[in-house]
Amino acid sequence: MIEGYIHSIESMGLVDGPGIRTVVFFQGCRLRCRYCHNPDTWTMRSGKEQIFTPEQLVNKLLRFKPYFGDNGGVTFSGGEPLLQKDFLCEVLRL
């Protein structure tokens, strides 16, 4: 079973893409960018992360769909979402 480690979910994001968005911040990043906005997402296991199956995350995201309107949607941020590529691909497939 695939599981994803999620740092946090912002339900009314207005700056991470067009329209009203839900922003999923993944836990874990190896890039260590100098001016990173989210250095608390760097470790894969912080002890505070939420663990989701792809189905659980999609079901949570679908609850916010009525707020997206014509331009909104979901943004996957981090951490580094591609560090958990199998999980991300399954979420996108669903």
PDB file of N, CA and C in Angstrom:
ATOM      1  N   MET A   1       0.842  -1.181   0.000  1.00  0.00           N
ATOM      2  CA  MET A   1       0.000   0.000   0.000  1.00  0.00           C
ATOM      3  C   MET A   1       0.889   1.248   0.000  1.00  0.00           C
ATOM      4  N   ILE A   2       0.577   2.180  -0.867  1.00  0.00           N
ATOM      5  CA  ILE A   2       1.318   3.434  -0.958  1.00  0.00           C
ATOM      6  C   ILE A   2       0.796   4.391   0.107  1.00  0.00           C
ATOM      7  N   GLU A   3       1.721   5.034   0.791  1.00  0.00           N
ATOM      8  CA  GLU A   3       1.363   6.079   1.755  1.00  0.00           C
ATOM      9  C   GLU A   3       2.184   7.317   1.446  1.00  0.00           C
ATOM     10  N   GLY A   4       1.599   8.468   1.724  1.00  0.00           N
ATOM     11  CA  GLY A   4       2.293   9.731   1.529  1.00  0.00           C
ATOM     12  C   GLY A   4       2.412  10.477   2.830  1.00  0.00           C
ATOM     13  N   TYR A   5       3.515  11.183   2.986  1.00  0.00           N
ATOM     14  CA  TYR A   5       3.763  11.974   4.186  1.00  0.00           C
ATOM     15  C   TYR A   5       3.491  13.434   3.857  1.00  0.00           C
ATOM     16  N   ILE A   6       2.479  13.979   4.508  1.00  0.00           N
ATOM     17  CA  ILE A   6       2.012  15.325   4.219  1.00  0.00           C
ATOM     18  C   ILE A   6       2.292  16.219   5.421  1.00  0.00           C
ATOM     19  N   HIS A   7       2.961  17.337   5.161  1.00  0.00           N
ATOM     20  CA  HIS A   7       3.256  18.299   6.221  1.00  0.00           C
ATOM     21  C   HIS A   7       1.989  19.011   6.670  1.00  0.00           C
ATOM     22  N   SER A   8       1.236  19.544   5.700  1.00  0.00           N
ATOM     23  CA  SER A   8       0.011  20.278   6.043  1.00  0.00           C
ATOM     24  C   SER A   8      -0.809  20.493   4.772  1.00  0.00           C
ATOM     25  N   ILE A   9      -2.057  20.874   4.998  1.00  0.00           N
ATOM     26  CA  ILE A   9      -2.971  21.171   3.903  1.00  0.00           C
ATOM     27  C   ILE A   9      -3.626  22.510   4.194  1.00  0.00           C
ATOM     28  N   GLU A  10      -3.486  23.439   3.245  1.00  0.00           N
ATOM     29  CA  GLU A  10      -4.094  24.768   3.354  1.00  0.00           C
ATOM     30  C   GLU A  10      -5.334  24.780   2.472  1.00  0.00           C
ATOM     31  N   SER A  11      -6.481  25.040   3.065  1.00  0.00           N
ATOM     32  CA  SER A  11      -7.736  24.888   2.324  1.00  0.00           C
ATOM     33  C   SER A  11      -8.139  26.106   1.499  1.00  0.00           C
ATOM     34  N   MET A  12      -7.640  27.263   1.774  1.00  0.00           N
ATOM     35  CA  MET A  12      -8.046  28.466   1.034  1.00  0.00           C
ATOM     36  C   MET A  12      -6.825  29.225   0.535  1.00  0.00           C
ATOM     37  N   GLY A  13      -5.956  28.551  -0.196  1.00  0.00           N
ATOM     38  CA  GLY A  13      -4.755  29.185  -0.715  1.00  0.00           C
ATOM     39  C   GLY A  13      -5.086  30.145  -1.847  1.00  0.00           C
ATOM     40  N   LEU A  14      -4.545  31.333  -1.771  1.00  0.00           N
ATOM     41  CA  LEU A  14      -4.814  32.351  -2.788  1.00  0.00           C
ATOM     42  C   LEU A  14      -3.561  32.803  -3.529  1.00  0.00           C
ATOM     43  N   VAL A  15      -2.380  32.314  -3.143  1.00  0.00           N
ATOM     44  CA  VAL A  15      -1.138  32.789  -3.759  1.00  0.00           C
ATOM     45  C   VAL A  15      -0.325  31.687  -4.440  1.00  0.00           C
ATOM     46  N   ASP A  16      -0.798  30.460  -4.426  1.00  0.00           N
ATOM     47  CA  ASP A  16      -0.046  29.335  -4.990  1.00  0.00           C
ATOM     48  C   ASP A  16      -0.662  28.826  -6.281  1.00  0.00           C
ATOM     49  N   GLY A  17      -1.125  29.742  -7.098  1.00  0.00           N
ATOM     50  CA  GLY A  17      -1.746  29.395  -8.367  1.00  0.00           C
ATOM     51  C   GLY A  17      -3.000  30.218  -8.562  1.00  0.00           C
ATOM     52  N   PRO A  18      -3.633  30.077  -9.703  1.00  0.00           N
ATOM     53  CA  PRO A  18      -4.821  30.892  -9.993  1.00  0.00           C
ATOM     54  C   PRO A  18      -6.029  30.466  -9.162  1.00  0.00           C
ATOM     55  N   GLY A  19      -6.873  31.429  -8.846  1.00  0.00           N
ATOM     56  CA  GLY A  19      -8.123  31.152  -8.153  1.00  0.00           C
ATOM     57  C   GLY A  19      -7.926  30.681  -6.722  1.00  0.00           C
ATOM     58  N   ILE A  20      -9.006  30.145  -6.157  1.00  0.00           N
ATOM     59  CA  ILE A  20      -8.964  29.574  -4.811  1.00  0.00           C
ATOM     60  C   ILE A  20      -8.460  28.146  -4.926  1.00  0.00           C
ATOM     61  N   ARG A  21      -7.466  27.814  -4.097  1.00  0.00           N
ATOM     62  CA  ARG A  21      -6.816  26.520  -4.219  1.00  0.00           C
ATOM     63  C   ARG A  21      -6.697  25.838  -2.872  1.00  0.00           C
ATOM     64  N   THR A  22      -6.605  24.549  -2.923  1.00  0.00           N
ATOM     65  CA  THR A  22      -6.162  23.774  -1.771  1.00  0.00           C
ATOM     66  C   THR A  22      -4.694  23.455  -2.032  1.00  0.00           C
ATOM     67  N   VAL A  23      -3.847  23.746  -1.046  1.00  0.00           N
ATOM     68  CA  VAL A  23      -2.411  23.534  -1.205  1.00  0.00           C
ATOM     69  C   VAL A  23      -1.987  22.388  -0.291  1.00  0.00           C
ATOM     70  N   VAL A  24      -1.393  21.364  -0.897  1.00  0.00           N
ATOM     71  CA  VAL A  24      -0.904  20.208  -0.157  1.00  0.00           C
ATOM     72  C   VAL A  24       0.610  20.350  -0.050  1.00  0.00           C
ATOM     73  N   PHE A  25       1.099  20.512   1.177  1.00  0.00           N
ATOM     74  CA  PHE A  25       2.537  20.634   1.419  1.00  0.00           C
ATOM     75  C   PHE A  25       3.079  19.264   1.801  1.00  0.00           C
ATOM     76  N   PHE A  26       3.904  18.693   0.930  1.00  0.00           N
ATOM     77  CA  PHE A  26       4.495  17.389   1.174  1.00  0.00           C
ATOM     78  C   PHE A  26       5.611  17.500   2.203  1.00  0.00           C
ATOM     79  N   GLN A  27       5.823  16.431   2.953  1.00  0.00           N
ATOM     80  CA  GLN A  27       6.913  16.354   3.920  1.00  0.00           C
ATOM     81  C   GLN A  27       8.093  15.700   3.238  1.00  0.00           C
ATOM     82  N   GLY A  28       9.272  16.291   3.382  1.00  0.00           N
ATOM     83  CA  GLY A  28      10.494  15.716   2.842  1.00  0.00           C
ATOM     84  C   GLY A  28      11.033  16.493   1.655  1.00  0.00           C
ATOM     85  N   CYS A  29      12.311  16.870   1.748  1.00  0.00           N
ATOM     86  CA  CYS A  29      12.990  17.541   0.639  1.00  0.00           C
ATOM     87  C   CYS A  29      14.498  17.413   0.822  1.00  0.00           C
ATOM     88  N   ARG A  30      15.170  17.037  -0.262  1.00  0.00           N
ATOM     89  CA  ARG A  30      16.639  16.910  -0.226  1.00  0.00           C
ATOM     90  C   ARG A  30      17.339  18.108  -0.861  1.00  0.00           C
ATOM     91  N   LEU A  31      16.599  19.026  -1.436  1.00  0.00           N
ATOM     92  CA  LEU A  31      17.199  20.133  -2.179  1.00  0.00           C
ATOM     93  C   LEU A  31      17.880  21.161  -1.269  1.00  0.00           C
ATOM     94  N   ARG A  32      17.264  21.455  -0.139  1.00  0.00           N
ATOM     95  CA  ARG A  32      17.834  22.390   0.853  1.00  0.00           C
ATOM     96  C   ARG A  32      18.155  23.761   0.244  1.00  0.00           C
ATOM     97  N   CYS A  33      17.209  24.327  -0.469  1.00  0.00           N
ATOM     98  CA  CYS A  33      17.405  25.640  -1.078  1.00  0.00           C
ATOM     99  C   CYS A  33      17.716  26.691  -0.011  1.00  0.00           C
ATOM    100  N   ARG A  34      18.619  27.575  -0.326  1.00  0.00           N
ATOM    101  CA  ARG A  34      19.090  28.561   0.646  1.00  0.00           C
ATOM    102  C   ARG A  34      17.956  29.407   1.231  1.00  0.00           C
ATOM    103  N   TYR A  35      17.049  29.876   0.426  1.00  0.00           N
ATOM    104  CA  TYR A  35      15.982  30.760   0.901  1.00  0.00           C
ATOM    105  C   TYR A  35      14.634  30.038   0.920  1.00  0.00           C
ATOM    106  N   CYS A  36      14.643  28.782   1.279  1.00  0.00           N
ATOM    107  CA  CYS A  36      13.436  27.964   1.326  1.00  0.00           C
ATOM    108  C   CYS A  36      12.390  28.591   2.249  1.00  0.00           C
ATOM    109  N   HIS A  37      11.145  28.600   1.783  1.00  0.00           N
ATOM    110  CA  HIS A  37      10.043  29.134   2.584  1.00  0.00           C
ATOM    111  C   HIS A  37       9.555  28.124   3.613  1.00  0.00           C
ATOM    112  N   ASN A  38       9.886  26.848   3.441  1.00  0.00           N
ATOM    113  CA  ASN A  38       9.356  25.802   4.308  1.00  0.00           C
ATOM    114  C   ASN A  38      10.445  24.831   4.792  1.00  0.00           C
ATOM    115  N   PRO A  39      11.483  25.321   5.477  1.00  0.00           N
ATOM    116  CA  PRO A  39      12.536  24.393   5.903  1.00  0.00           C
ATOM    117  C   PRO A  39      12.043  23.345   6.900  1.00  0.00           C
ATOM    118  N   ASP A  40      10.899  23.570   7.513  1.00  0.00           N
ATOM    119  CA  ASP A  40      10.361  22.579   8.438  1.00  0.00           C
ATOM    120  C   ASP A  40       9.821  21.349   7.698  1.00  0.00           C
ATOM    121  N   THR A  41       9.797  21.394   6.366  1.00  0.00           N
ATOM    122  CA  THR A  41       9.346  20.240   5.579  1.00  0.00           C
ATOM    123  C   THR A  41      10.510  19.373   5.109  1.00  0.00           C
ATOM    124  N   TRP A  42      11.737  19.726   5.417  1.00  0.00           N
ATOM    125  CA  TRP A  42      12.891  19.045   4.854  1.00  0.00           C
ATOM    126  C   TRP A  42      12.998  17.577   5.285  1.00  0.00           C
ATOM    127  N   THR A  43      12.831  17.279   6.565  1.00  0.00           N
ATOM    128  CA  THR A  43      12.972  15.893   7.006  1.00  0.00           C
ATOM    129  C   THR A  43      11.764  15.089   6.558  1.00  0.00           C
ATOM    130  N   MET A  44      11.996  13.846   6.205  1.00  0.00           N
ATOM    131  CA  MET A  44      10.911  12.995   5.722  1.00  0.00           C
ATOM    132  C   MET A  44       9.939  12.659   6.843  1.00  0.00           C
ATOM    133  N   ARG A  45      10.469  12.468   8.025  1.00  0.00           N
ATOM    134  CA  ARG A  45       9.640  12.145   9.181  1.00  0.00           C
ATOM    135  C   ARG A  45       9.900  13.182  10.267  1.00  0.00           C
ATOM    136  N   SER A  46       8.953  14.067  10.469  1.00  0.00           N
ATOM    137  CA  SER A  46       9.109  15.105  11.482  1.00  0.00           C
ATOM    138  C   SER A  46       8.466  14.704  12.800  1.00  0.00           C
ATOM    139  N   GLY A  47       7.612  13.694  12.769  1.00  0.00           N
ATOM    140  CA  GLY A  47       6.836  13.335  13.943  1.00  0.00           C
ATOM    141  C   GLY A  47       5.510  14.076  13.985  1.00  0.00           C
ATOM    142  N   LYS A  48       5.379  15.079  13.141  1.00  0.00           N
ATOM    143  CA  LYS A  48       4.144  15.865  13.068  1.00  0.00           C
ATOM    144  C   LYS A  48       3.420  15.674  11.735  1.00  0.00           C
ATOM    145  N   GLU A  49       4.032  14.930  10.802  1.00  0.00           N
ATOM    146  CA  GLU A  49       3.430  14.749   9.485  1.00  0.00           C
ATOM    147  C   GLU A  49       2.149  13.924   9.586  1.00  0.00           C
ATOM    148  N   GLN A  50       1.293  14.118   8.601  1.00  0.00           N
ATOM    149  CA  GLN A  50       0.082  13.321   8.472  1.00  0.00           C
ATOM    150  C   GLN A  50       0.355  12.258   7.417  1.00  0.00           C
ATOM    151  N   ILE A  51      -0.116  11.064   7.638  1.00  0.00           N
ATOM    152  CA  ILE A  51       0.096   9.973   6.697  1.00  0.00           C
ATOM    153  C   ILE A  51      -1.236   9.657   6.034  1.00  0.00           C
ATOM    154  N   PHE A  52      -1.234   9.677   4.701  1.00  0.00           N
ATOM    155  CA  PHE A  52      -2.439   9.440   3.911  1.00  0.00           C
ATOM    156  C   PHE A  52      -2.188   8.328   2.910  1.00  0.00           C
ATOM    157  N   THR A  53      -3.239   7.598   2.576  1.00  0.00           N
ATOM    158  CA  THR A  53      -3.226   6.790   1.363  1.00  0.00           C
ATOM    159  C   THR A  53      -3.664   7.732   0.248  1.00  0.00           C
ATOM    160  N   PRO A  54      -3.395   7.402  -1.013  1.00  0.00           N
ATOM    161  CA  PRO A  54      -3.868   8.267  -2.097  1.00  0.00           C
ATOM    162  C   PRO A  54      -5.379   8.491  -2.048  1.00  0.00           C
ATOM    163  N   GLU A  55      -6.130   7.446  -1.755  1.00  0.00           N
ATOM    164  CA  GLU A  55      -7.587   7.559  -1.696  1.00  0.00           C
ATOM    165  C   GLU A  55      -8.029   8.525  -0.604  1.00  0.00           C
ATOM    166  N   GLN A  56      -7.383   8.448   0.552  1.00  0.00           N
ATOM    167  CA  GLN A  56      -7.738   9.342   1.660  1.00  0.00           C
ATOM    168  C   GLN A  56      -7.481  10.797   1.294  1.00  0.00           C
ATOM    169  N   LEU A  57      -6.338  11.054   0.648  1.00  0.00           N
ATOM    170  CA  LEU A  57      -6.025  12.434   0.279  1.00  0.00           C
ATOM    171  C   LEU A  57      -7.000  12.947  -0.774  1.00  0.00           C
ATOM    172  N   VAL A  58      -7.294  12.145  -1.790  1.00  0.00           N
ATOM    173  CA  VAL A  58      -8.232  12.572  -2.832  1.00  0.00           C
ATOM    174  C   VAL A  58      -9.608  12.848  -2.226  1.00  0.00           C
ATOM    175  N   ASN A  59     -10.071  11.994  -1.340  1.00  0.00           N
ATOM    176  CA  ASN A  59     -11.369  12.225  -0.693  1.00  0.00           C
ATOM    177  C   ASN A  59     -11.382  13.526   0.095  1.00  0.00           C
ATOM    178  N   LYS A  60     -10.284  13.836   0.758  1.00  0.00           N
ATOM    179  CA  LYS A  60     -10.198  15.102   1.491  1.00  0.00           C
ATOM    180  C   LYS A  60     -10.220  16.284   0.525  1.00  0.00           C
ATOM    181  N   LEU A  61      -9.470  16.179  -0.578  1.00  0.00           N
ATOM    182  CA  LEU A  61      -9.410  17.272  -1.550  1.00  0.00           C
ATOM    183  C   LEU A  61     -10.751  17.507  -2.232  1.00  0.00           C
ATOM    184  N   LEU A  62     -11.494  16.458  -2.482  1.00  0.00           N
ATOM    185  CA  LEU A  62     -12.792  16.606  -3.146  1.00  0.00           C
ATOM    186  C   LEU A  62     -13.783  17.404  -2.303  1.00  0.00           C
ATOM    187  N   ARG A  63     -13.601  17.423  -1.003  1.00  0.00           N
ATOM    188  CA  ARG A  63     -14.478  18.219  -0.137  1.00  0.00           C
ATOM    189  C   ARG A  63     -14.358  19.714  -0.431  1.00  0.00           C
ATOM    190  N   PHE A  64     -13.219  20.141  -0.955  1.00  0.00           N
ATOM    191  CA  PHE A  64     -12.987  21.561  -1.222  1.00  0.00           C
ATOM    192  C   PHE A  64     -13.355  21.973  -2.644  1.00  0.00           C
ATOM    193  N   LYS A  65     -13.683  21.023  -3.497  1.00  0.00           N
ATOM    194  CA  LYS A  65     -13.951  21.301  -4.904  1.00  0.00           C
ATOM    195  C   LYS A  65     -15.002  22.385  -5.140  1.00  0.00           C
ATOM    196  N   PRO A  66     -16.085  22.472  -4.359  1.00  0.00           N
ATOM    197  CA  PRO A  66     -17.091  23.515  -4.608  1.00  0.00           C
ATOM    198  C   PRO A  66     -16.536  24.948  -4.518  1.00  0.00           C
ATOM    199  N   TYR A  67     -15.417  25.140  -3.839  1.00  0.00           N
ATOM    200  CA  TYR A  67     -14.846  26.474  -3.670  1.00  0.00           C
ATOM    201  C   TYR A  67     -13.921  26.880  -4.815  1.00  0.00           C
ATOM    202  N   PHE A  68     -13.523  25.935  -5.670  1.00  0.00           N
ATOM    203  CA  PHE A  68     -12.532  26.206  -6.704  1.00  0.00           C
ATOM    204  C   PHE A  68     -13.048  27.126  -7.806  1.00  0.00           C
ATOM    205  N   GLY A  69     -14.328  27.085  -8.090  1.00  0.00           N
ATOM    206  CA  GLY A  69     -14.862  27.890  -9.180  1.00  0.00           C
ATOM    207  C   GLY A  69     -14.245  27.478 -10.512  1.00  0.00           C
ATOM    208  N   ASP A  70     -14.143  28.441 -11.441  1.00  0.00           N
ATOM    209  CA  ASP A  70     -13.618  28.155 -12.776  1.00  0.00           C
ATOM    210  C   ASP A  70     -12.093  28.123 -12.829  1.00  0.00           C
ATOM    211  N   ASN A  71     -11.411  28.819 -11.908  1.00  0.00           N
ATOM    212  CA  ASN A  71      -9.958  28.974 -12.009  1.00  0.00           C
ATOM    213  C   ASN A  71      -9.173  28.272 -10.915  1.00  0.00           C
ATOM    214  N   GLY A  72      -9.832  27.776  -9.881  1.00  0.00           N
ATOM    215  CA  GLY A  72      -9.130  27.203  -8.737  1.00  0.00           C
ATOM    216  C   GLY A  72      -8.720  25.765  -8.959  1.00  0.00           C
ATOM    217  N   GLY A  73      -8.209  25.155  -7.906  1.00  0.00           N
ATOM    218  CA  GLY A  73      -7.787  23.764  -7.999  1.00  0.00           C
ATOM    219  C   GLY A  73      -6.900  23.379  -6.845  1.00  0.00           C
ATOM    220  N   VAL A  74      -5.993  22.466  -7.102  1.00  0.00           N
ATOM    221  CA  VAL A  74      -5.089  21.935  -6.088  1.00  0.00           C
ATOM    222  C   VAL A  74      -3.656  22.231  -6.513  1.00  0.00           C
ATOM    223  N   THR A  75      -2.837  22.647  -5.564  1.00  0.00           N
ATOM    224  CA  THR A  75      -1.405  22.843  -5.786  1.00  0.00           C
ATOM    225  C   THR A  75      -0.659  21.887  -4.871  1.00  0.00           C
ATOM    226  N   PHE A  76       0.311  21.150  -5.424  1.00  0.00           N
ATOM    227  CA  PHE A  76       1.166  20.278  -4.631  1.00  0.00           C
ATOM    228  C   PHE A  76       2.492  20.994  -4.445  1.00  0.00           C
ATOM    229  N   SER A  77       2.855  21.218  -3.193  1.00  0.00           N
ATOM    230  CA  SER A  77       4.047  21.983  -2.870  1.00  0.00           C
ATOM    231  C   SER A  77       4.852  21.181  -1.857  1.00  0.00           C
ATOM    232  N   GLY A  78       5.807  21.824  -1.251  1.00  0.00           N
ATOM    233  CA  GLY A  78       6.617  21.049  -0.316  1.00  0.00           C
ATOM    234  C   GLY A  78       7.297  21.887   0.724  1.00  0.00           C
ATOM    235  N   GLY A  79       8.194  21.111   1.119  1.00  0.00           N
ATOM    236  CA  GLY A  79       8.903  19.924   0.723  1.00  0.00           C
ATOM    237  C   GLY A  79       9.039  19.805  -0.788  1.00  0.00           C
ATOM    238  N   GLU A  80       9.252  18.571  -1.205  1.00  0.00           N
ATOM    239  CA  GLU A  80       9.408  18.256  -2.629  1.00  0.00           C
ATOM    240  C   GLU A  80       8.456  17.126  -2.994  1.00  0.00           C
ATOM    241  N   PRO A  81       7.349  17.438  -3.677  1.00  0.00           N
ATOM    242  CA  PRO A  81       6.375  16.398  -4.020  1.00  0.00           C
ATOM    243  C   PRO A  81       6.967  15.225  -4.805  1.00  0.00           C
ATOM    244  N   LEU A  82       7.956  15.485  -5.661  1.00  0.00           N
ATOM    245  CA  LEU A  82       8.519  14.408  -6.481  1.00  0.00           C
ATOM    246  C   LEU A  82       9.375  13.429  -5.679  1.00  0.00           C
ATOM    247  N   LEU A  83       9.691  13.773  -4.443  1.00  0.00           N
ATOM    248  CA  LEU A  83      10.387  12.834  -3.568  1.00  0.00           C
ATOM    249  C   LEU A  83       9.470  11.650  -3.242  1.00  0.00           C
ATOM    250  N   GLN A  84       8.160  11.880  -3.360  1.00  0.00           N
ATOM    251  CA  GLN A  84       7.155  10.837  -3.131  1.00  0.00           C
ATOM    252  C   GLN A  84       6.374  10.611  -4.432  1.00  0.00           C
ATOM    253  N   LYS A  85       7.106  10.384  -5.512  1.00  0.00           N
ATOM    254  CA  LYS A  85       6.502  10.369  -6.848  1.00  0.00           C
ATOM    255  C   LYS A  85       5.455   9.284  -7.031  1.00  0.00           C
ATOM    256  N   ASP A  86       5.640   8.107  -6.456  1.00  0.00           N
ATOM    257  CA  ASP A  86       4.639   7.050  -6.615  1.00  0.00           C
ATOM    258  C   ASP A  86       3.313   7.453  -5.975  1.00  0.00           C
ATOM    259  N   PHE A  87       3.395   8.042  -4.800  1.00  0.00           N
ATOM    260  CA  PHE A  87       2.197   8.522  -4.108  1.00  0.00           C
ATOM    261  C   PHE A  87       1.543   9.638  -4.913  1.00  0.00           C
ATOM    262  N   LEU A  88       2.331  10.615  -5.342  1.00  0.00           N
ATOM    263  CA  LEU A  88       1.801  11.742  -6.105  1.00  0.00           C
ATOM    264  C   LEU A  88       1.143  11.267  -7.400  1.00  0.00           C
ATOM    265  N   CYS A  89       1.785  10.375  -8.120  1.00  0.00           N
ATOM    266  CA  CYS A  89       1.218   9.871  -9.381  1.00  0.00           C
ATOM    267  C   CYS A  89      -0.122   9.177  -9.139  1.00  0.00           C
ATOM    268  N   GLU A  90      -0.219   8.432  -8.065  1.00  0.00           N
ATOM    269  CA  GLU A  90      -1.485   7.754  -7.771  1.00  0.00           C
ATOM    270  C   GLU A  90      -2.585   8.757  -7.391  1.00  0.00           C
ATOM    271  N   VAL A  91      -2.229   9.795  -6.647  1.00  0.00           N
ATOM    272  CA  VAL A  91      -3.193  10.846  -6.313  1.00  0.00           C
ATOM    273  C   VAL A  91      -3.676  11.506  -7.600  1.00  0.00           C
ATOM    274  N   LEU A  92      -2.765  11.844  -8.493  1.00  0.00           N
ATOM    275  CA  LEU A  92      -3.132  12.485  -9.749  1.00  0.00           C
ATOM    276  C   LEU A  92      -3.978  11.568 -10.626  1.00  0.00           C
ATOM    277  N   ARG A  93      -3.673  10.282 -10.617  1.00  0.00           N
ATOM    278  CA  ARG A  93      -4.455   9.323 -11.403  1.00  0.00           C
ATOM    279  C   ARG A  93      -5.900   9.265 -10.899  1.00  0.00           C
ATOM    280  N   LEU A  94      -6.044   9.284  -9.582  1.00  0.00           N
ATOM    281  CA  LEU A  94      -7.397   9.225  -8.991  1.00  0.00           C
ATOM    282  C   LEU A  94      -8.154  10.507  -9.234  1.00  0.00           C
TER     283      LEU A  94
END
